[in-house]
């Protein structure tokens, strides 16, 4: 199980960051256009943010 968490933290962190940035830009574009239907973008950004913070926390905890 620890190998899965290490894999997730080390190799998938760029994917989490890319998806977070992609949906952040998509959210900004929708807000500039005046569209208020931003539920999908906000949900994905929240999930990616939680995964990024969790990965950083796990890496720090394992390092100590």
PDB file of N, CA and C in Angstrom:
ATOM      1  N   UNK A   1       0.822  -1.193   0.000  1.00  0.00           N
ATOM      2  CA  UNK A   1       0.000   0.000   0.000  1.00  0.00           C
ATOM      3  C   UNK A   1       0.870   1.262   0.000  1.00  0.00           C
ATOM      4  N   UNK A   2       1.980   1.192   0.714  1.00  0.00           N
ATOM      5  CA  UNK A   2       2.867   2.349   0.766  1.00  0.00           C
ATOM      6  C   UNK A   2       3.465   2.650  -0.608  1.00  0.00           C
ATOM      7  N   UNK A   3       3.700   1.596  -1.399  1.00  0.00           N
ATOM      8  CA  UNK A   3       4.233   1.796  -2.744  1.00  0.00           C
ATOM      9  C   UNK A   3       3.246   2.567  -3.617  1.00  0.00           C
ATOM     10  N   UNK A   4       1.960   2.282  -3.462  1.00  0.00           N
ATOM     11  CA  UNK A   4       0.941   3.013  -4.222  1.00  0.00           C
ATOM     12  C   UNK A   4       0.932   4.485  -3.850  1.00  0.00           C
ATOM     13  N   UNK A   5       1.001   4.785  -2.554  1.00  0.00           N
ATOM     14  CA  UNK A   5       1.002   6.177  -2.122  1.00  0.00           C
ATOM     15  C   UNK A   5       2.249   6.901  -2.613  1.00  0.00           C
ATOM     16  N   UNK A   6       3.390   6.239  -2.557  1.00  0.00           N
ATOM     17  CA  UNK A   6       4.622   6.859  -3.047  1.00  0.00           C
ATOM     18  C   UNK A   6       4.542   7.115  -4.543  1.00  0.00           C
ATOM     19  N   UNK A   7       4.012   6.148  -5.295  1.00  0.00           N
ATOM     20  CA  UNK A   7       3.825   6.326  -6.735  1.00  0.00           C
ATOM     21  C   UNK A   7       2.899   7.502  -7.011  1.00  0.00           C
ATOM     22  N   UNK A   8       1.794   7.556  -6.263  1.00  0.00           N
ATOM     23  CA  UNK A   8       0.816   8.623  -6.456  1.00  0.00           C
ATOM     24  C   UNK A   8       1.424   9.989  -6.165  1.00  0.00           C
ATOM     25  N   UNK A   9       2.207  10.070  -5.102  1.00  0.00           N
ATOM     26  CA  UNK A   9       2.790  11.354  -4.719  1.00  0.00           C
ATOM     27  C   UNK A   9       3.872  11.801  -5.688  1.00  0.00           C
ATOM     28  N   UNK A  10       4.704  10.872  -6.118  1.00  0.00           N
ATOM     29  CA  UNK A  10       5.862  11.260  -6.918  1.00  0.00           C
ATOM     30  C   UNK A  10       5.542  11.392  -8.404  1.00  0.00           C
ATOM     31  N   UNK A  11       4.870  10.410  -8.976  1.00  0.00           N
ATOM     32  CA  UNK A  11       4.665  10.401 -10.420  1.00  0.00           C
ATOM     33  C   UNK A  11       3.389  11.106 -10.872  1.00  0.00           C
ATOM     34  N   UNK A  12       2.381  11.128 -10.039  1.00  0.00           N
ATOM     35  CA  UNK A  12       1.122  11.736 -10.458  1.00  0.00           C
ATOM     36  C   UNK A  12       0.985  13.205 -10.060  1.00  0.00           C
ATOM     37  N   UNK A  13       1.929  13.733  -9.282  1.00  0.00           N
ATOM     38  CA  UNK A  13       1.858  15.137  -8.879  1.00  0.00           C
ATOM     39  C   UNK A  13       1.844  16.086 -10.088  1.00  0.00           C
ATOM     40  N   UNK A  14       2.654  15.877 -11.126  1.00  0.00           N
ATOM     41  CA  UNK A  14       2.559  16.761 -12.299  1.00  0.00           C
ATOM     42  C   UNK A  14       1.197  16.685 -12.989  1.00  0.00           C
ATOM     43  N   UNK A  15       0.585  15.517 -12.979  1.00  0.00           N
ATOM     44  CA  UNK A  15      -0.741  15.360 -13.586  1.00  0.00           C
ATOM     45  C   UNK A  15      -1.768  16.147 -12.779  1.00  0.00           C
ATOM     46  N   UNK A  16      -1.686  16.034 -11.457  1.00  0.00           N
ATOM     47  CA  UNK A  16      -2.605  16.802 -10.603  1.00  0.00           C
ATOM     48  C   UNK A  16      -2.437  18.302 -10.838  1.00  0.00           C
ATOM     49  N   UNK A  17      -1.197  18.755 -10.902  1.00  0.00           N
ATOM     50  CA  UNK A  17      -0.927  20.175 -11.132  1.00  0.00           C
ATOM     51  C   UNK A  17      -1.415  20.642 -12.491  1.00  0.00           C
ATOM     52  N   UNK A  18      -1.182  19.831 -13.524  1.00  0.00           N
ATOM     53  CA  UNK A  18      -1.635  20.180 -14.869  1.00  0.00           C
ATOM     54  C   UNK A  18      -3.156  20.290 -14.919  1.00  0.00           C
ATOM     55  N   UNK A  19      -3.851  19.310 -14.355  1.00  0.00           N
ATOM     56  CA  UNK A  19      -5.316  19.348 -14.368  1.00  0.00           C
ATOM     57  C   UNK A  19      -5.846  20.534 -13.571  1.00  0.00           C
ATOM     58  N   UNK A  20      -5.215  20.842 -12.443  1.00  0.00           N
ATOM     59  CA  UNK A  20      -5.638  21.994 -11.649  1.00  0.00           C
ATOM     60  C   UNK A  20      -5.510  23.275 -12.465  1.00  0.00           C
ATOM     61  N   UNK A  21      -4.367  23.467 -13.117  1.00  0.00           N
ATOM     62  CA  UNK A  21      -4.147  24.673 -13.922  1.00  0.00           C
ATOM     63  C   UNK A  21      -5.090  24.735 -15.124  1.00  0.00           C
ATOM     64  N   UNK A  22      -5.303  23.597 -15.777  1.00  0.00           N
ATOM     65  CA  UNK A  22      -6.194  23.540 -16.927  1.00  0.00           C
ATOM     66  C   UNK A  22      -7.610  23.969 -16.555  1.00  0.00           C
ATOM     67  N   UNK A  23      -8.132  23.417 -15.476  1.00  0.00           N
ATOM     68  CA  UNK A  23      -9.493  23.770 -15.080  1.00  0.00           C
ATOM     69  C   UNK A  23      -9.564  25.175 -14.486  1.00  0.00           C
ATOM     70  N   UNK A  24      -8.469  25.666 -13.908  1.00  0.00           N
ATOM     71  CA  UNK A  24      -8.442  27.037 -13.418  1.00  0.00           C
ATOM     72  C   UNK A  24      -8.555  28.018 -14.578  1.00  0.00           C
ATOM     73  N   UNK A  25      -7.810  27.773 -15.646  1.00  0.00           N
ATOM     74  CA  UNK A  25      -7.885  28.629 -16.837  1.00  0.00           C
ATOM     75  C   UNK A  25      -9.272  28.544 -17.465  1.00  0.00           C
ATOM     76  N   UNK A  26      -9.817  27.334 -17.511  1.00  0.00           N
ATOM     77  CA  UNK A  26     -11.159  27.153 -18.059  1.00  0.00           C
ATOM     78  C   UNK A  26     -12.197  27.922 -17.233  1.00  0.00           C
ATOM     79  N   UNK A  27     -12.036  27.918 -15.919  1.00  0.00           N
ATOM     80  CA  UNK A  27     -12.943  28.645 -15.028  1.00  0.00           C
ATOM     81  C   UNK A  27     -12.834  30.146 -15.264  1.00  0.00           C
ATOM     82  N   UNK A  28     -11.616  30.659 -15.380  1.00  0.00           N
ATOM     83  CA  UNK A  28     -11.421  32.090 -15.615  1.00  0.00           C
ATOM     84  C   UNK A  28     -12.042  32.515 -16.941  1.00  0.00           C
ATOM     85  N   UNK A  29     -11.856  31.700 -17.994  1.00  0.00           N
ATOM     86  CA  UNK A  29     -12.447  32.028 -19.291  1.00  0.00           C
ATOM     87  C   UNK A  29     -13.968  32.083 -19.206  1.00  0.00           C
ATOM     88  N   UNK A  30     -14.576  31.155 -18.478  1.00  0.00           N
ATOM     89  CA  UNK A  30     -16.033  31.170 -18.339  1.00  0.00           C
ATOM     90  C   UNK A  30     -16.497  32.397 -17.577  1.00  0.00           C
ATOM     91  N   UNK A  31     -15.763  32.764 -16.540  1.00  0.00           N
ATOM     92  CA  UNK A  31     -16.157  33.936 -15.754  1.00  0.00           C
ATOM     93  C   UNK A  31     -16.005  35.217 -16.564  1.00  0.00           C
ATOM     94  N   UNK A  32     -14.990  35.305 -17.391  1.00  0.00           N
ATOM     95  CA  UNK A  32     -14.804  36.490 -18.236  1.00  0.00           C
ATOM     96  C   UNK A  32     -15.946  36.605 -19.240  1.00  0.00           C
ATOM     97  N   UNK A  33     -16.389  35.463 -19.775  1.00  0.00           N
ATOM     98  CA  UNK A  33     -17.498  35.476 -20.740  1.00  0.00           C
ATOM     99  C   UNK A  33     -18.846  35.738 -20.069  1.00  0.00           C
ATOM    100  N   UNK A  34     -18.892  35.661 -18.747  1.00  0.00           N
ATOM    101  CA  UNK A  34     -20.133  35.930 -18.036  1.00  0.00           C
ATOM    102  C   UNK A  34     -20.973  34.690 -17.785  1.00  0.00           C
ATOM    103  N   UNK A  35     -20.433  33.523 -18.031  1.00  0.00           N
ATOM    104  CA  UNK A  35     -21.167  32.287 -17.772  1.00  0.00           C
ATOM    105  C   UNK A  35     -21.050  31.944 -16.292  1.00  0.00           C
ATOM    106  N   UNK A  36     -22.157  31.512 -15.724  1.00  0.00           N
ATOM    107  CA  UNK A  36     -22.171  31.185 -14.302  1.00  0.00           C
ATOM    108  C   UNK A  36     -22.180  29.694 -14.029  1.00  0.00           C
ATOM    109  N   UNK A  37     -22.163  28.861 -15.063  1.00  0.00           N
ATOM    110  CA  UNK A  37     -22.179  27.413 -14.888  1.00  0.00           C
ATOM    111  C   UNK A  37     -20.749  26.915 -14.711  1.00  0.00           C
ATOM    112  N   UNK A  38     -20.249  27.017 -13.497  1.00  0.00           N
ATOM    113  CA  UNK A  38     -18.859  26.659 -13.213  1.00  0.00           C
ATOM    114  C   UNK A  38     -18.759  25.510 -12.220  1.00  0.00           C
ATOM    115  N   UNK A  39     -19.808  24.708 -12.093  1.00  0.00           N
ATOM    116  CA  UNK A  39     -19.808  23.634 -11.103  1.00  0.00           C
ATOM    117  C   UNK A  39     -18.747  22.575 -11.398  1.00  0.00           C
ATOM    118  N   UNK A  40     -18.612  22.170 -12.651  1.00  0.00           N
ATOM    119  CA  UNK A  40     -17.659  21.115 -13.003  1.00  0.00           C
ATOM    120  C   UNK A  40     -16.232  21.581 -12.742  1.00  0.00           C
ATOM    121  N   UNK A  41     -15.908  22.770 -13.189  1.00  0.00           N
ATOM    122  CA  UNK A  41     -14.558  23.289 -13.009  1.00  0.00           C
ATOM    123  C   UNK A  41     -14.219  23.425 -11.528  1.00  0.00           C
ATOM    124  N   UNK A  42     -15.137  23.971 -10.751  1.00  0.00           N
ATOM    125  CA  UNK A  42     -14.889  24.156  -9.323  1.00  0.00           C
ATOM    126  C   UNK A  42     -14.736  22.813  -8.617  1.00  0.00           C
ATOM    127  N   UNK A  43     -15.522  21.830  -9.002  1.00  0.00           N
ATOM    128  CA  UNK A  43     -15.431  20.510  -8.374  1.00  0.00           C
ATOM    129  C   UNK A  43     -14.100  19.835  -8.687  1.00  0.00           C
ATOM    130  N   UNK A  44     -13.702  19.868  -9.954  1.00  0.00           N
ATOM    131  CA  UNK A  44     -12.436  19.237 -10.338  1.00  0.00           C
ATOM    132  C   UNK A  44     -11.265  19.962  -9.686  1.00  0.00           C
ATOM    133  N   UNK A  45     -11.317  21.287  -9.632  1.00  0.00           N
ATOM    134  CA  UNK A  45     -10.244  22.037  -8.990  1.00  0.00           C
ATOM    135  C   UNK A  45     -10.144  21.704  -7.509  1.00  0.00           C
ATOM    136  N   UNK A  46     -11.272  21.533  -6.845  1.00  0.00           N
ATOM    137  CA  UNK A  46     -11.268  21.174  -5.429  1.00  0.00           C
ATOM    138  C   UNK A  46     -10.643  19.805  -5.215  1.00  0.00           C
ATOM    139  N   UNK A  47     -11.018  18.844  -6.043  1.00  0.00           N
ATOM    140  CA  UNK A  47     -10.463  17.495  -5.921  1.00  0.00           C
ATOM    141  C   UNK A  47      -8.962  17.510  -6.189  1.00  0.00           C
ATOM    142  N   UNK A  48      -8.529  18.208  -7.223  1.00  0.00           N
ATOM    143  CA  UNK A  48      -7.100  18.262  -7.542  1.00  0.00           C
ATOM    144  C   UNK A  48      -6.318  18.987  -6.446  1.00  0.00           C
ATOM    145  N   UNK A  49      -6.886  20.036  -5.885  1.00  0.00           N
ATOM    146  CA  UNK A  49      -6.212  20.748  -4.799  1.00  0.00           C
ATOM    147  C   UNK A  49      -6.043  19.845  -3.586  1.00  0.00           C
ATOM    148  N   UNK A  50      -7.078  19.091  -3.252  1.00  0.00           N
ATOM    149  CA  UNK A  50      -6.990  18.166  -2.112  1.00  0.00           C
ATOM    150  C   UNK A  50      -5.930  17.098  -2.376  1.00  0.00           C
ATOM    151  N   UNK A  51      -5.876  16.562  -3.590  1.00  0.00           N
ATOM    152  CA  UNK A  51      -4.868  15.557  -3.915  1.00  0.00           C
ATOM    153  C   UNK A  51      -3.453  16.136  -3.871  1.00  0.00           C
ATOM    154  N   UNK A  52      -3.287  17.365  -4.318  1.00  0.00           N
ATOM    155  CA  UNK A  52      -1.966  17.993  -4.273  1.00  0.00           C
ATOM    156  C   UNK A  52      -1.525  18.193  -2.831  1.00  0.00           C
ATOM    157  N   UNK A  53      -2.394  18.734  -1.997  1.00  0.00           N
ATOM    158  CA  UNK A  53      -2.054  18.962  -0.589  1.00  0.00           C
ATOM    159  C   UNK A  53      -1.806  17.645   0.125  1.00  0.00           C
ATOM    160  N   UNK A  54      -2.621  16.634  -0.167  1.00  0.00           N
ATOM    161  CA  UNK A  54      -2.437  15.321   0.443  1.00  0.00           C
ATOM    162  C   UNK A  54      -1.092  14.725   0.034  1.00  0.00           C
ATOM    163  N   UNK A  55      -0.729  14.854  -1.226  1.00  0.00           N
ATOM    164  CA  UNK A  55       0.538  14.318  -1.700  1.00  0.00           C
ATOM    165  C   UNK A  55       1.726  15.006  -1.032  1.00  0.00           C
ATOM    166  N   UNK A  56       1.649  16.314  -0.901  1.00  0.00           N
ATOM    167  CA  UNK A  56       2.726  17.052  -0.235  1.00  0.00           C
ATOM    168  C   UNK A  56       2.813  16.643   1.228  1.00  0.00           C
ATOM    169  N   UNK A  57       1.694  16.539   1.895  1.00  0.00           N
ATOM    170  CA  UNK A  57       1.665  16.144   3.310  1.00  0.00           C
ATOM    171  C   UNK A  57       2.221  14.754   3.509  1.00  0.00           C
ATOM    172  N   UNK A  58       1.853  13.838   2.635  1.00  0.00           N
ATOM    173  CA  UNK A  58       2.332  12.459   2.735  1.00  0.00           C
ATOM    174  C   UNK A  58       3.843  12.403   2.516  1.00  0.00           C
ATOM    175  N   UNK A  59       4.320  13.141   1.531  1.00  0.00           N
ATOM    176  CA  UNK A  59       5.755  13.153   1.253  1.00  0.00           C
ATOM    177  C   UNK A  59       6.534  13.714   2.443  1.00  0.00           C
ATOM    178  N   UNK A  60       6.034  14.761   3.055  1.00  0.00           N
ATOM    179  CA  UNK A  60       6.699  15.343   4.212  1.00  0.00           C
ATOM    180  C   UNK A  60       6.669  14.377   5.391  1.00  0.00           C
ATOM    181  N   UNK A  61       5.550  13.710   5.589  1.00  0.00           N
ATOM    182  CA  UNK A  61       5.427  12.761   6.708  1.00  0.00           C
ATOM    183  C   UNK A  61       6.364  11.574   6.532  1.00  0.00           C
ATOM    184  N   UNK A  62       6.506  11.071   5.316  1.00  0.00           N
ATOM    185  CA  UNK A  62       7.392   9.941   5.061  1.00  0.00           C
ATOM    186  C   UNK A  62       8.848  10.361   5.187  1.00  0.00           C
ATOM    187  N   UNK A  63       9.137  11.590   4.820  1.00  0.00           N
ATOM    188  CA  UNK A  63      10.514  12.097   4.894  1.00  0.00           C
ATOM    189  C   UNK A  63      11.013  12.243   6.308  1.00  0.00           C
ATOM    190  N   UNK A  64      10.118  12.436   7.255  1.00  0.00           N
ATOM    191  CA  UNK A  64      10.532  12.614   8.666  1.00  0.00           C
ATOM    192  C   UNK A  64      10.649  11.326   9.307  1.00  0.00           C
TER     193      UNK A  64
END
